[in-house]
Amino acid sequence: MKLQLLAAIALATPLFFANSVQAGNNKDLQQLLNTRECINCNLSGVNLSGAHLIGADLRGANLQGANLTNANLEGADLTGANLKGANLTSAFVTNVNLKRANLNGANLTRATINDSNVYQASMNDLTITDAEIFNTGIGIGGDSAEIPDWK
């Protein structure tokens, strides 16, 4: 009985998020929610708070000013994405490809960032208060650190 209830909740959860998400470009947003793929999409300013975007393909997507609070981005590909001013407070950013992404002014307060690729990403004015960062080239100060690229 408990297993059936958990299965029903798991199936209904994406429907809840689909109704609570708002954006200027509904076509791109629906594509992301239906397929988890939205290459070069315009998702600027969208509310994806709490969204499960595990393994999403968001290469080159415009997520400027997006609300990704509590979002799960595990394994997502955000190569070349624009996350300028995005709110990633308490987001789960593990095994995420952020190569050449624009993270300028992004808020990563209390985010969990593990094993993610930030090679050639722009990271000016990041907020990383209380973030848990492991095996990812994000830190405080200095231009001399070498950030490895995924091979």
N, C-alpha and C. Protein backbone atom coordinates (compact mmCIF):
# COMPACT_ATOMS: atom_id res chain seq x y z
N MET A 1 0.82 -1.19 0.00
CA MET A 1 0.00 0.00 0.00
C MET A 1 0.87 1.26 0.00
N LYS A 2 1.91 1.25 0.85
CA LYS A 2 2.80 2.40 0.90
C LYS A 2 3.52 2.60 -0.43
N LEU A 3 3.89 1.51 -1.07
CA LEU A 3 4.58 1.60 -2.35
C LEU A 3 3.69 2.22 -3.41
N GLN A 4 2.40 1.87 -3.41
CA GLN A 4 1.46 2.44 -4.37
C GLN A 4 1.28 3.94 -4.13
N LEU A 5 1.22 4.34 -2.87
CA LEU A 5 1.07 5.75 -2.53
C LEU A 5 2.30 6.54 -2.97
N LEU A 6 3.50 5.99 -2.72
CA LEU A 6 4.73 6.65 -3.14
C LEU A 6 4.80 6.76 -4.66
N ALA A 7 4.37 5.72 -5.37
CA ALA A 7 4.36 5.76 -6.83
C ALA A 7 3.41 6.84 -7.33
N ALA A 8 2.24 6.96 -6.73
CA ALA A 8 1.27 7.98 -7.13
C ALA A 8 1.82 9.38 -6.90
N ILE A 9 2.49 9.57 -5.77
CA ILE A 9 3.09 10.88 -5.47
C ILE A 9 4.19 11.20 -6.47
N ALA A 10 5.02 10.20 -6.79
CA ALA A 10 6.11 10.42 -7.75
C ALA A 10 5.57 10.79 -9.12
N LEU A 11 4.47 10.20 -9.52
CA LEU A 11 3.88 10.53 -10.82
C LEU A 11 3.20 11.89 -10.83
N ALA A 12 2.64 12.31 -9.71
CA ALA A 12 1.93 13.58 -9.64
C ALA A 12 2.85 14.77 -9.45
N THR A 13 4.05 14.57 -8.91
CA THR A 13 4.96 15.68 -8.62
C THR A 13 5.28 16.53 -9.85
N PRO A 14 5.64 15.94 -11.01
CA PRO A 14 5.92 16.78 -12.18
C PRO A 14 4.72 17.62 -12.61
N LEU A 15 3.51 17.13 -12.41
CA LEU A 15 2.32 17.90 -12.77
C LEU A 15 2.19 19.13 -11.88
N PHE A 16 2.53 18.98 -10.62
CA PHE A 16 2.51 20.12 -9.70
C PHE A 16 3.46 21.20 -10.16
N PHE A 17 4.69 20.80 -10.54
CA PHE A 17 5.67 21.79 -10.97
C PHE A 17 5.29 22.41 -12.30
N ALA A 18 4.69 21.67 -13.19
CA ALA A 18 4.28 22.21 -14.48
C ALA A 18 3.25 23.31 -14.30
N ASN A 19 2.40 23.20 -13.29
CA ASN A 19 1.38 24.21 -13.05
C ASN A 19 1.92 25.41 -12.30
N SER A 20 3.00 25.23 -11.53
CA SER A 20 3.50 26.32 -10.71
C SER A 20 4.59 27.13 -11.39
N VAL A 21 5.07 26.69 -12.53
CA VAL A 21 6.15 27.37 -13.23
C VAL A 21 5.58 28.40 -14.17
N GLN A 22 6.17 29.59 -14.18
CA GLN A 22 5.71 30.64 -15.07
C GLN A 22 6.90 31.18 -15.85
N ALA A 23 6.66 31.57 -17.09
CA ALA A 23 7.76 32.10 -17.90
C ALA A 23 7.21 32.96 -19.01
N GLY A 24 8.12 33.75 -19.58
CA GLY A 24 7.74 34.58 -20.72
C GLY A 24 7.59 33.77 -21.99
N ASN A 25 8.36 32.69 -22.16
CA ASN A 25 8.29 31.88 -23.37
C ASN A 25 7.73 30.50 -23.01
N ASN A 26 6.42 30.38 -23.08
CA ASN A 26 5.76 29.13 -22.66
C ASN A 26 6.12 27.94 -23.55
N LYS A 27 6.37 28.19 -24.83
CA LYS A 27 6.72 27.08 -25.73
C LYS A 27 8.03 26.43 -25.28
N ASP A 28 9.05 27.25 -25.01
CA ASP A 28 10.33 26.73 -24.54
C ASP A 28 10.19 26.06 -23.18
N LEU A 29 9.41 26.66 -22.31
CA LEU A 29 9.21 26.09 -20.98
C LEU A 29 8.52 24.73 -21.07
N GLN A 30 7.49 24.62 -21.88
CA GLN A 30 6.80 23.34 -22.03
C GLN A 30 7.72 22.29 -22.65
N GLN A 31 8.56 22.72 -23.60
CA GLN A 31 9.52 21.79 -24.19
C GLN A 31 10.45 21.24 -23.10
N LEU A 32 10.96 22.12 -22.23
CA LEU A 32 11.84 21.68 -21.14
C LEU A 32 11.13 20.71 -20.21
N LEU A 33 9.93 21.06 -19.80
CA LEU A 33 9.20 20.22 -18.84
C LEU A 33 8.79 18.87 -19.44
N ASN A 34 8.51 18.86 -20.74
CA ASN A 34 8.06 17.61 -21.38
C ASN A 34 9.22 16.70 -21.79
N THR A 35 10.35 17.30 -22.19
CA THR A 35 11.43 16.49 -22.76
C THR A 35 12.74 16.56 -21.99
N ARG A 36 12.85 17.52 -21.07
CA ARG A 36 14.11 17.81 -20.35
C ARG A 36 15.22 18.19 -21.32
N GLU A 37 14.82 18.71 -22.46
CA GLU A 37 15.79 19.19 -23.45
C GLU A 37 15.29 20.53 -23.98
N CYS A 38 16.16 21.53 -23.90
CA CYS A 38 15.77 22.85 -24.37
C CYS A 38 17.05 23.61 -24.76
N ILE A 39 17.64 23.18 -25.86
CA ILE A 39 18.90 23.76 -26.33
C ILE A 39 18.63 25.14 -26.91
N ASN A 40 19.41 26.13 -26.48
CA ASN A 40 19.30 27.52 -26.93
C ASN A 40 17.93 28.13 -26.66
N CYS A 41 17.23 27.65 -25.66
CA CYS A 41 15.91 28.18 -25.31
C CYS A 41 16.00 29.51 -24.58
N ASN A 42 14.92 30.27 -24.66
CA ASN A 42 14.81 31.50 -23.89
C ASN A 42 13.96 31.21 -22.66
N LEU A 43 14.62 31.03 -21.55
CA LEU A 43 13.96 30.78 -20.27
C LEU A 43 14.31 31.87 -19.26
N SER A 44 14.60 33.05 -19.76
CA SER A 44 15.00 34.15 -18.87
C SER A 44 13.84 34.49 -17.95
N GLY A 45 14.16 34.62 -16.66
CA GLY A 45 13.19 35.01 -15.67
C GLY A 45 12.19 33.94 -15.27
N VAL A 46 12.34 32.71 -15.75
CA VAL A 46 11.37 31.66 -15.41
C VAL A 46 11.45 31.29 -13.94
N ASN A 47 10.36 30.79 -13.42
CA ASN A 47 10.33 30.28 -12.05
C ASN A 47 10.38 28.77 -12.13
N LEU A 48 11.56 28.22 -11.88
CA LEU A 48 11.77 26.77 -11.84
C LEU A 48 12.11 26.33 -10.43
N SER A 49 11.60 27.06 -9.46
CA SER A 49 11.87 26.76 -8.07
C SER A 49 11.38 25.36 -7.73
N GLY A 50 12.29 24.54 -7.20
CA GLY A 50 11.96 23.19 -6.80
C GLY A 50 11.86 22.19 -7.95
N ALA A 51 12.15 22.62 -9.16
CA ALA A 51 12.02 21.74 -10.32
C ALA A 51 13.06 20.63 -10.30
N HIS A 52 12.68 19.47 -10.80
CA HIS A 52 13.59 18.33 -10.95
C HIS A 52 14.07 18.32 -12.40
N LEU A 53 15.27 18.85 -12.62
CA LEU A 53 15.84 18.96 -13.96
C LEU A 53 17.02 18.02 -14.10
N ILE A 54 16.91 16.85 -13.52
CA ILE A 54 17.98 15.86 -13.53
C ILE A 54 18.28 15.46 -14.97
N GLY A 55 19.55 15.64 -15.37
CA GLY A 55 19.98 15.26 -16.71
C GLY A 55 19.45 16.15 -17.82
N ALA A 56 18.90 17.31 -17.51
CA ALA A 56 18.34 18.20 -18.53
C ALA A 56 19.44 18.71 -19.46
N ASP A 57 19.08 18.85 -20.74
CA ASP A 57 20.00 19.40 -21.73
C ASP A 57 19.62 20.85 -21.98
N LEU A 58 20.37 21.75 -21.37
CA LEU A 58 20.10 23.18 -21.46
C LEU A 58 21.29 23.92 -22.07
N ARG A 59 21.97 23.27 -23.00
CA ARG A 59 23.13 23.90 -23.64
C ARG A 59 22.71 25.19 -24.34
N GLY A 60 23.42 26.27 -24.02
CA GLY A 60 23.18 27.56 -24.65
C GLY A 60 21.87 28.23 -24.25
N ALA A 61 21.17 27.70 -23.27
CA ALA A 61 19.89 28.28 -22.84
C ALA A 61 20.09 29.61 -22.14
N ASN A 62 19.12 30.50 -22.29
CA ASN A 62 19.14 31.78 -21.59
C ASN A 62 18.29 31.64 -20.34
N LEU A 63 18.94 31.52 -19.20
CA LEU A 63 18.28 31.42 -17.90
C LEU A 63 18.59 32.65 -17.04
N GLN A 64 18.85 33.76 -17.71
CA GLN A 64 19.20 34.99 -16.99
C GLN A 64 18.06 35.37 -16.05
N GLY A 65 18.40 35.56 -14.78
CA GLY A 65 17.43 35.97 -13.78
C GLY A 65 16.43 34.89 -13.40
N ALA A 66 16.65 33.65 -13.81
CA ALA A 66 15.72 32.57 -13.50
C ALA A 66 15.76 32.22 -12.02
N ASN A 67 14.64 31.74 -11.51
CA ASN A 67 14.56 31.29 -10.13
C ASN A 67 14.70 29.78 -10.12
N LEU A 68 15.86 29.31 -9.70
CA LEU A 68 16.15 27.88 -9.60
C LEU A 68 16.35 27.46 -8.14
N THR A 69 15.71 28.18 -7.24
CA THR A 69 15.80 27.87 -5.82
C THR A 69 15.33 26.44 -5.57
N ASN A 70 16.13 25.68 -4.84
CA ASN A 70 15.83 24.28 -4.50
C ASN A 70 15.70 23.37 -5.72
N ALA A 71 16.16 23.80 -6.88
CA ALA A 71 16.09 22.95 -8.08
C ALA A 71 17.13 21.85 -8.01
N ASN A 72 16.82 20.71 -8.60
CA ASN A 72 17.76 19.60 -8.70
C ASN A 72 18.27 19.56 -10.13
N LEU A 73 19.54 19.94 -10.32
CA LEU A 73 20.16 20.00 -11.65
C LEU A 73 21.17 18.87 -11.84
N GLU A 74 21.09 17.84 -11.06
CA GLU A 74 22.07 16.77 -11.12
C GLU A 74 22.23 16.24 -12.55
N GLY A 75 23.48 16.24 -13.03
CA GLY A 75 23.79 15.70 -14.35
C GLY A 75 23.33 16.56 -15.51
N ALA A 76 22.86 17.77 -15.26
CA ALA A 76 22.39 18.64 -16.34
C ALA A 76 23.56 19.18 -17.16
N ASP A 77 23.29 19.47 -18.43
CA ASP A 77 24.29 20.07 -19.31
C ASP A 77 23.90 21.51 -19.57
N LEU A 78 24.63 22.43 -18.95
CA LEU A 78 24.40 23.86 -19.10
C LEU A 78 25.59 24.52 -19.80
N THR A 79 26.23 23.79 -20.70
CA THR A 79 27.36 24.33 -21.45
C THR A 79 26.93 25.59 -22.18
N GLY A 80 27.64 26.68 -21.94
CA GLY A 80 27.37 27.94 -22.63
C GLY A 80 26.07 28.61 -22.24
N ALA A 81 25.43 28.16 -21.19
CA ALA A 81 24.16 28.76 -20.76
C ALA A 81 24.39 30.10 -20.08
N ASN A 82 23.38 30.97 -20.15
CA ASN A 82 23.43 32.26 -19.50
C ASN A 82 22.63 32.18 -18.21
N LEU A 83 23.33 32.14 -17.08
CA LEU A 83 22.70 32.10 -15.76
C LEU A 83 22.98 33.40 -15.00
N LYS A 84 23.22 34.46 -15.74
CA LYS A 84 23.53 35.75 -15.11
C LYS A 84 22.37 36.16 -14.19
N GLY A 85 22.71 36.41 -12.94
CA GLY A 85 21.72 36.86 -11.96
C GLY A 85 20.70 35.81 -11.57
N ALA A 86 20.93 34.55 -11.92
CA ALA A 86 19.99 33.48 -11.56
C ALA A 86 20.07 33.19 -10.07
N ASN A 87 18.94 32.78 -9.51
CA ASN A 87 18.88 32.43 -8.10
C ASN A 87 18.93 30.91 -7.98
N LEU A 88 20.07 30.41 -7.52
CA LEU A 88 20.27 28.97 -7.32
C LEU A 88 20.39 28.65 -5.83
N THR A 89 19.71 29.42 -5.00
CA THR A 89 19.75 29.20 -3.57
C THR A 89 19.29 27.78 -3.25
N SER A 90 20.09 27.07 -2.49
CA SER A 90 19.81 25.69 -2.06
C SER A 90 19.62 24.72 -3.22
N ALA A 91 20.13 25.05 -4.39
CA ALA A 91 20.04 24.15 -5.54
C ALA A 91 21.02 23.00 -5.39
N PHE A 92 20.72 21.89 -6.03
CA PHE A 92 21.59 20.71 -6.05
C PHE A 92 22.27 20.68 -7.41
N VAL A 93 23.56 21.04 -7.42
CA VAL A 93 24.32 21.21 -8.66
C VAL A 93 25.47 20.20 -8.64
N THR A 94 25.16 18.94 -8.90
CA THR A 94 26.15 17.88 -8.86
C THR A 94 26.30 17.25 -10.24
N ASN A 95 27.56 17.08 -10.66
CA ASN A 95 27.88 16.55 -11.99
C ASN A 95 27.24 17.38 -13.10
N VAL A 96 27.21 18.68 -12.91
CA VAL A 96 26.62 19.60 -13.89
C VAL A 96 27.73 20.17 -14.77
N ASN A 97 27.48 20.23 -16.06
CA ASN A 97 28.44 20.82 -16.98
C ASN A 97 28.09 22.29 -17.18
N LEU A 98 28.90 23.17 -16.59
CA LEU A 98 28.73 24.62 -16.68
C LEU A 98 29.86 25.24 -17.52
N LYS A 99 30.46 24.46 -18.39
CA LYS A 99 31.56 24.93 -19.23
C LYS A 99 31.10 26.14 -20.05
N ARG A 100 31.89 27.21 -19.98
CA ARG A 100 31.63 28.46 -20.70
C ARG A 100 30.29 29.11 -20.34
N ALA A 101 29.72 28.75 -19.22
CA ALA A 101 28.46 29.36 -18.77
C ALA A 101 28.72 30.73 -18.18
N ASN A 102 27.72 31.59 -18.23
CA ASN A 102 27.78 32.91 -17.60
C ASN A 102 27.07 32.79 -16.26
N LEU A 103 27.86 32.80 -15.19
CA LEU A 103 27.34 32.73 -13.83
C LEU A 103 27.48 34.06 -13.10
N ASN A 104 27.75 35.13 -13.84
CA ASN A 104 27.95 36.44 -13.21
C ASN A 104 26.73 36.83 -12.38
N GLY A 105 26.98 37.17 -11.14
CA GLY A 105 25.91 37.64 -10.26
C GLY A 105 24.94 36.56 -9.81
N ALA A 106 25.25 35.29 -10.07
CA ALA A 106 24.37 34.21 -9.65
C ALA A 106 24.42 34.04 -8.13
N ASN A 107 23.30 33.66 -7.56
CA ASN A 107 23.21 33.44 -6.12
C ASN A 107 23.23 31.94 -5.87
N LEU A 108 24.32 31.45 -5.27
CA LEU A 108 24.49 30.04 -4.96
C LEU A 108 24.48 29.81 -3.44
N THR A 109 23.79 30.68 -2.72
CA THR A 109 23.70 30.55 -1.27
C THR A 109 23.16 29.18 -0.90
N ARG A 110 23.84 28.48 0.00
CA ARG A 110 23.46 27.16 0.52
C ARG A 110 23.31 26.10 -0.57
N ALA A 111 23.83 26.35 -1.76
CA ALA A 111 23.77 25.35 -2.83
C ALA A 111 24.77 24.23 -2.55
N THR A 112 24.49 23.06 -3.09
CA THR A 112 25.40 21.92 -3.03
C THR A 112 25.97 21.76 -4.43
N ILE A 113 27.29 22.00 -4.55
CA ILE A 113 27.94 21.99 -5.86
C ILE A 113 29.09 20.99 -5.79
N ASN A 114 28.90 19.84 -6.41
CA ASN A 114 29.91 18.78 -6.37
C ASN A 114 30.24 18.30 -7.78
N ASP A 115 31.53 18.09 -8.00
CA ASP A 115 32.00 17.46 -9.24
C ASP A 115 31.43 18.10 -10.50
N SER A 116 31.35 19.42 -10.53
CA SER A 116 30.80 20.12 -11.69
C SER A 116 31.90 20.82 -12.47
N ASN A 117 31.71 20.93 -13.77
CA ASN A 117 32.69 21.52 -14.68
C ASN A 117 32.39 22.99 -14.88
N VAL A 118 33.30 23.86 -14.45
CA VAL A 118 33.14 25.30 -14.64
C VAL A 118 34.27 25.86 -15.51
N TYR A 119 34.84 25.02 -16.36
CA TYR A 119 35.93 25.44 -17.23
C TYR A 119 35.49 26.59 -18.12
N GLN A 120 36.23 27.68 -18.09
CA GLN A 120 36.00 28.90 -18.87
C GLN A 120 34.64 29.55 -18.57
N ALA A 121 34.04 29.24 -17.44
CA ALA A 121 32.80 29.90 -17.04
C ALA A 121 33.14 31.27 -16.48
N SER A 122 32.24 32.22 -16.68
CA SER A 122 32.39 33.55 -16.12
C SER A 122 31.69 33.56 -14.77
N MET A 123 32.45 33.90 -13.71
CA MET A 123 31.92 33.78 -12.36
C MET A 123 32.17 35.04 -11.53
N ASN A 124 31.92 36.20 -12.08
CA ASN A 124 32.10 37.45 -11.35
C ASN A 124 30.92 37.70 -10.43
N ASP A 125 31.20 38.19 -9.24
CA ASP A 125 30.18 38.59 -8.27
C ASP A 125 29.24 37.46 -7.87
N LEU A 126 29.77 36.26 -7.74
CA LEU A 126 28.96 35.13 -7.25
C LEU A 126 28.66 35.31 -5.77
N THR A 127 27.51 34.85 -5.35
CA THR A 127 27.20 34.75 -3.93
C THR A 127 27.25 33.27 -3.59
N ILE A 128 28.21 32.89 -2.74
CA ILE A 128 28.39 31.48 -2.40
C ILE A 128 28.32 31.26 -0.88
N THR A 129 27.59 32.11 -0.19
CA THR A 129 27.46 32.02 1.26
C THR A 129 26.89 30.65 1.66
N ASP A 130 27.61 29.98 2.55
CA ASP A 130 27.21 28.67 3.09
C ASP A 130 27.02 27.59 2.02
N ALA A 131 27.56 27.80 0.83
CA ALA A 131 27.49 26.76 -0.21
C ALA A 131 28.45 25.64 0.13
N GLU A 132 28.09 24.42 -0.23
CA GLU A 132 28.96 23.27 -0.08
C GLU A 132 29.54 22.98 -1.46
N ILE A 133 30.84 23.25 -1.62
CA ILE A 133 31.49 23.11 -2.92
C ILE A 133 32.61 22.08 -2.78
N PHE A 134 32.54 21.03 -3.60
CA PHE A 134 33.55 19.99 -3.56
C PHE A 134 33.93 19.58 -4.98
N ASN A 135 35.23 19.51 -5.22
CA ASN A 135 35.77 19.07 -6.51
C ASN A 135 35.21 19.88 -7.69
N THR A 136 35.07 21.18 -7.46
CA THR A 136 34.58 22.11 -8.48
C THR A 136 35.41 23.38 -8.36
N GLY A 137 35.81 23.96 -9.47
CA GLY A 137 36.70 25.11 -9.46
C GLY A 137 36.05 26.43 -9.12
N ILE A 138 35.34 26.48 -8.01
CA ILE A 138 34.74 27.72 -7.52
C ILE A 138 35.37 28.00 -6.17
N GLY A 139 35.88 29.21 -6.00
CA GLY A 139 36.51 29.57 -4.74
C GLY A 139 36.54 31.07 -4.57
N ILE A 140 37.27 31.50 -3.57
CA ILE A 140 37.35 32.92 -3.26
C ILE A 140 38.75 33.42 -3.57
N GLY A 141 38.82 34.45 -4.41
CA GLY A 141 40.08 35.15 -4.66
C GLY A 141 41.03 34.45 -5.60
N GLY A 142 41.84 35.27 -6.25
CA GLY A 142 42.93 34.79 -7.09
C GLY A 142 42.53 34.41 -8.49
N ASP A 143 43.36 34.82 -9.43
CA ASP A 143 43.16 34.46 -10.82
C ASP A 143 44.10 33.35 -11.25
N SER A 144 44.96 32.90 -10.34
CA SER A 144 46.00 31.96 -10.73
C SER A 144 45.56 30.50 -10.67
N ALA A 145 44.40 30.23 -10.14
CA ALA A 145 43.95 28.84 -10.03
C ALA A 145 43.63 28.28 -11.42
N GLU A 146 44.06 27.07 -11.64
CA GLU A 146 43.76 26.42 -12.91
C GLU A 146 42.50 25.57 -12.74
N ILE A 147 41.53 25.82 -13.61
CA ILE A 147 40.28 25.09 -13.55
C ILE A 147 40.31 24.03 -14.63
N PRO A 148 40.21 22.75 -14.23
CA PRO A 148 40.29 21.68 -15.22
C PRO A 148 39.00 21.57 -16.04
N ASP A 149 39.16 21.01 -17.24
CA ASP A 149 38.03 20.75 -18.12
C ASP A 149 37.73 19.26 -18.07
N TRP A 150 36.48 18.89 -18.23
CA TRP A 150 36.13 17.48 -18.34
C TRP A 150 36.63 16.97 -19.66
N LYS A 151 37.13 15.80 -19.68
CA LYS A 151 37.62 15.20 -20.93
C LYS A 151 36.63 14.22 -21.46
